[in-house]
Amino acid sequence: MPSHATEPPPAAPAPAPVHPIGLPHEVDNRAAYLSFGLAYVLGHGAAAASQGDTPLLGLPGWLPMTLLGIGLVTGIVQATIAALRAQRGAAAPDVLSGKLLGVAWVVAFTALFLAITGLTSILDRPELQSILWPAGSGLIVGLLYLAEGAVRRNVLHYALGVWLALTSTAALSLDAPGLSWVLALAGGGAYALATALEHRRLRLPAAPSWT
């Protein structure tokens, strides 16, 4: 009888190598978190220390908003750079999602500017800007994080968005400097924790609960 050579079974495909840092399509948010965190601590912290009946520091009124604005702009730039890096080699639908999320930042803050400007103009109370801008910025950033976390399946980003959105709006019920202290401590502390957890997340193998 003819003999048939026994062929070995096909080898199982080798598992894909894990790239803890620089994983394709993974956004490294550490620089953005650090920038936003400094904006919260320095901007809101300066406002908290210079407000109230017995302020801790005698600072010009424009300084806290300037520190906050510089920090927010820096954070947005860092977030954009991180998103663009993650899009290298990504599929067309992922690239489109990233671009739409980037445009959403511009649209959201433009809408916030129009809302605050219009509201304070109609009420003829320009001093409300010192309250609405800090709380409104936290709300906008939080909601954008919710959208980004859902699209990218990033639970840490999503959870940070939940915290920022809730604490920023809850702080509106407090008088100065309570509002600023809450934003500085709760917001700045959350960003510090998120920065540490983001470093850990990027070094862990990809898992459904984190990606």
Protein backbone atom coordinates (compact mmCIF):
# COMPACT_ATOMS: atom_id res chain seq x y z
CA MET A 1 0.00 0.00 0.00
CA PRO A 2 1.29 3.45 -0.82
CA SER A 3 2.56 5.32 2.17
CA HIS A 4 1.46 8.85 2.78
CA ALA A 5 3.76 11.25 4.53
CA THR A 6 2.22 12.53 7.70
CA GLU A 7 2.16 16.28 7.60
CA PRO A 8 2.56 18.09 10.87
CA PRO A 9 -0.45 20.11 11.99
CA PRO A 10 -0.29 23.80 11.12
CA ALA A 11 1.48 25.78 13.75
CA ALA A 12 -0.66 28.13 15.81
CA PRO A 13 -0.09 31.76 14.90
CA ALA A 14 2.35 33.48 17.18
CA PRO A 15 0.75 36.02 19.51
CA ALA A 16 1.13 39.59 18.40
CA PRO A 17 3.89 41.40 20.28
CA VAL A 18 2.75 43.77 22.94
CA HIS A 19 3.98 47.34 22.63
CA PRO A 20 3.34 48.92 26.05
CA ILE A 21 4.39 52.38 24.95
CA GLY A 22 3.57 53.82 21.58
CA LEU A 23 0.85 51.28 20.80
CA PRO A 24 -0.71 52.12 17.41
CA HIS A 25 -3.96 54.10 17.70
CA GLU A 26 -3.39 54.54 21.47
CA VAL A 27 -3.38 58.13 22.70
CA ASP A 28 -0.80 59.08 25.32
CA ASN A 29 -2.61 61.71 27.41
CA ARG A 30 0.09 62.32 30.01
CA ALA A 31 1.35 65.65 28.63
CA ALA A 32 -2.20 66.94 28.19
CA TYR A 33 -3.21 65.80 31.69
CA LEU A 34 -0.16 67.50 33.19
CA SER A 35 -0.88 70.76 31.34
CA PHE A 36 -4.54 70.81 32.34
CA GLY A 37 -3.63 69.88 35.91
CA LEU A 38 -1.19 72.80 36.19
CA ALA A 39 -3.86 75.09 34.72
CA TYR A 40 -6.26 74.01 37.46
CA VAL A 41 -3.75 74.26 40.30
CA LEU A 42 -2.15 77.55 39.22
CA GLY A 43 -5.17 79.27 37.68
CA HIS A 44 -7.89 78.25 40.13
CA GLY A 45 -5.41 78.18 43.02
CA ALA A 46 -4.38 81.78 42.34
CA ALA A 47 -8.03 82.80 42.17
CA ALA A 48 -8.83 81.02 45.44
CA ALA A 49 -5.86 82.59 47.24
CA SER A 50 -6.73 86.13 46.09
CA GLN A 51 -10.50 86.04 46.70
CA GLY A 52 -12.68 86.42 49.77
CA ASP A 53 -12.80 88.91 52.61
CA THR A 54 -9.31 87.96 53.83
CA PRO A 55 -7.35 86.88 50.75
CA LEU A 56 -4.11 84.97 51.28
CA LEU A 57 -2.36 86.75 48.42
CA GLY A 58 -2.77 90.14 46.83
CA LEU A 59 -2.80 89.27 43.11
CA PRO A 60 -4.08 91.33 40.17
CA GLY A 61 -7.49 90.23 38.99
CA TRP A 62 -6.30 89.31 35.50
CA LEU A 63 -3.59 86.89 36.66
CA PRO A 64 -5.71 83.83 37.63
CA MET A 65 -7.67 83.88 34.36
CA THR A 66 -4.46 84.34 32.40
CA LEU A 67 -2.81 81.35 34.09
CA LEU A 68 -5.92 79.26 33.53
CA GLY A 69 -6.17 80.28 29.88
CA ILE A 70 -2.52 79.55 29.15
CA GLY A 71 -2.80 76.15 30.80
CA LEU A 72 -5.97 75.24 28.94
CA VAL A 73 -4.54 76.26 25.57
CA THR A 74 -1.36 74.30 26.28
CA GLY A 75 -3.41 71.27 27.27
CA ILE A 76 -5.49 71.45 24.10
CA VAL A 77 -2.33 71.66 22.00
CA GLN A 78 -0.79 68.69 23.81
CA ALA A 79 -3.99 66.67 23.39
CA THR A 80 -4.06 67.48 19.67
CA ILE A 81 -0.44 66.43 19.22
CA ALA A 82 -1.06 63.15 21.06
CA ALA A 83 -4.14 62.42 18.93
CA LEU A 84 -2.26 63.14 15.69
CA ARG A 85 0.56 60.81 16.72
CA ALA A 86 -1.93 58.03 17.44
CA GLN A 87 -3.49 58.44 13.99
CA ARG A 88 -0.32 57.47 12.15
CA GLY A 89 -1.08 54.27 10.24
CA ALA A 90 -4.64 54.16 11.56
CA ALA A 91 -7.58 53.08 9.43
CA ALA A 92 -9.63 55.76 7.69
CA PRO A 93 -12.61 55.52 10.11
CA ASP A 94 -10.26 56.01 13.10
CA VAL A 95 -8.64 59.01 11.44
CA LEU A 96 -12.04 60.55 10.76
CA SER A 97 -13.12 60.01 14.37
CA GLY A 98 -9.95 61.70 15.60
CA LYS A 99 -10.47 64.69 13.33
CA LEU A 100 -14.08 65.10 14.40
CA LEU A 101 -13.10 64.96 18.06
CA GLY A 102 -10.44 67.61 17.42
CA VAL A 103 -12.97 69.92 15.77
CA ALA A 104 -15.33 69.32 18.70
CA TRP A 105 -12.86 71.09 21.04
CA VAL A 106 -12.93 74.23 18.91
CA VAL A 107 -16.70 74.15 18.51
CA ALA A 108 -17.34 73.52 22.22
CA PHE A 109 -15.16 76.37 23.48
CA THR A 110 -16.49 78.72 20.81
CA ALA A 111 -20.02 77.90 21.94
CA LEU A 112 -18.99 78.46 25.57
CA PHE A 113 -17.54 81.87 24.68
CA LEU A 114 -20.74 82.89 22.88
CA ALA A 115 -22.93 81.65 25.73
CA ILE A 116 -20.99 83.42 28.49
CA THR A 117 -20.59 86.62 26.49
CA GLY A 118 -24.27 86.73 25.59
CA LEU A 119 -25.49 85.86 29.08
CA THR A 120 -23.35 88.42 30.88
CA SER A 121 -24.24 91.06 28.29
CA ILE A 122 -27.99 90.50 28.59
CA LEU A 123 -27.87 90.49 32.38
CA ASP A 124 -25.40 93.41 32.35
CA ARG A 125 -23.25 91.55 34.88
CA PRO A 126 -19.76 91.16 33.41
CA GLU A 127 -18.43 90.03 36.80
CA LEU A 128 -20.17 86.69 36.27
CA GLN A 129 -17.47 85.78 33.76
CA SER A 130 -15.09 85.12 36.63
CA ILE A 131 -17.46 82.35 37.77
CA LEU A 132 -18.87 81.06 34.50
CA TRP A 133 -15.54 80.68 32.71
CA PRO A 134 -13.85 78.43 35.30
CA ALA A 135 -16.92 76.26 35.86
CA GLY A 136 -17.91 76.26 32.19
CA SER A 137 -14.42 75.27 31.05
CA GLY A 138 -14.44 72.32 33.45
CA LEU A 139 -17.85 71.25 32.19
CA ILE A 140 -16.81 71.47 28.54
CA VAL A 141 -13.56 69.58 29.09
CA GLY A 142 -15.39 66.93 31.08
CA LEU A 143 -18.02 66.38 28.40
CA LEU A 144 -15.36 66.20 25.68
CA TYR A 145 -13.50 63.60 27.73
CA LEU A 146 -16.72 61.61 27.96
CA ALA A 147 -17.02 61.60 24.18
CA GLU A 148 -13.35 60.78 23.61
CA GLY A 149 -13.35 58.05 26.24
CA ALA A 150 -16.41 56.42 24.68
CA VAL A 151 -15.00 56.56 21.13
CA ARG A 152 -11.55 55.31 22.13
CA ARG A 153 -12.86 52.85 24.74
CA ASN A 154 -10.63 54.47 27.34
CA VAL A 155 -12.25 54.03 30.75
CA LEU A 156 -9.71 56.24 32.55
CA HIS A 157 -10.36 59.16 30.18
CA TYR A 158 -14.12 58.63 30.50
CA ALA A 159 -14.00 58.50 34.31
CA LEU A 160 -11.94 61.70 34.45
CA GLY A 161 -14.56 63.37 32.26
CA VAL A 162 -17.33 62.30 34.61
CA TRP A 163 -15.47 63.72 37.59
CA LEU A 164 -14.64 67.04 35.93
CA ALA A 165 -18.16 67.58 34.61
CA LEU A 166 -19.82 66.87 37.96
CA THR A 167 -17.39 68.75 40.22
CA SER A 168 -17.27 71.80 37.94
CA THR A 169 -21.04 72.21 37.88
CA ALA A 170 -21.47 71.34 41.57
CA ALA A 171 -18.95 74.07 42.46
CA LEU A 172 -21.33 76.68 41.04
CA SER A 173 -23.36 76.43 44.25
CA LEU A 174 -20.41 77.79 46.25
CA ASP A 175 -19.40 81.39 46.78
CA ALA A 176 -15.90 82.68 46.12
CA PRO A 177 -13.36 81.50 47.02
CA GLY A 178 -15.03 78.14 47.64
CA LEU A 179 -15.66 77.55 43.94
CA SER A 180 -12.02 78.15 43.07
CA TRP A 181 -10.75 75.94 45.89
CA VAL A 182 -12.95 73.06 44.74
CA LEU A 183 -11.79 73.41 41.14
CA ALA A 184 -8.13 73.69 42.13
CA LEU A 185 -8.12 70.75 44.53
CA ALA A 186 -10.69 68.42 42.99
CA GLY A 187 -9.72 69.17 39.39
CA GLY A 188 -5.96 69.46 39.90
CA GLY A 189 -5.91 66.38 42.12
CA ALA A 190 -7.89 64.36 39.58
CA TYR A 191 -5.46 65.30 36.81
CA ALA A 192 -2.47 64.35 38.99
CA LEU A 193 -4.02 60.95 39.69
CA ALA A 194 -4.97 60.49 36.03
CA THR A 195 -1.40 61.26 34.94
CA ALA A 196 -0.06 58.49 37.19
CA LEU A 197 -2.75 56.03 36.09
CA GLU A 198 -2.18 56.92 32.43
CA HIS A 199 1.48 55.92 32.77
CA ARG A 200 0.39 52.59 34.21
CA ARG A 201 -2.32 52.11 31.55
CA LEU A 202 0.13 52.57 28.69
CA ARG A 203 2.52 49.99 30.17
CA LEU A 204 -0.13 47.31 30.62
CA PRO A 205 -1.00 44.87 27.82
CA ALA A 206 -4.08 45.88 25.86
CA ALA A 207 -7.23 44.87 27.67
CA PRO A 208 -10.93 45.54 26.98
CA SER A 209 -11.33 47.44 30.23
CA TRP A 210 -8.63 49.97 29.35
CA THR A 211 -8.69 50.36 25.58
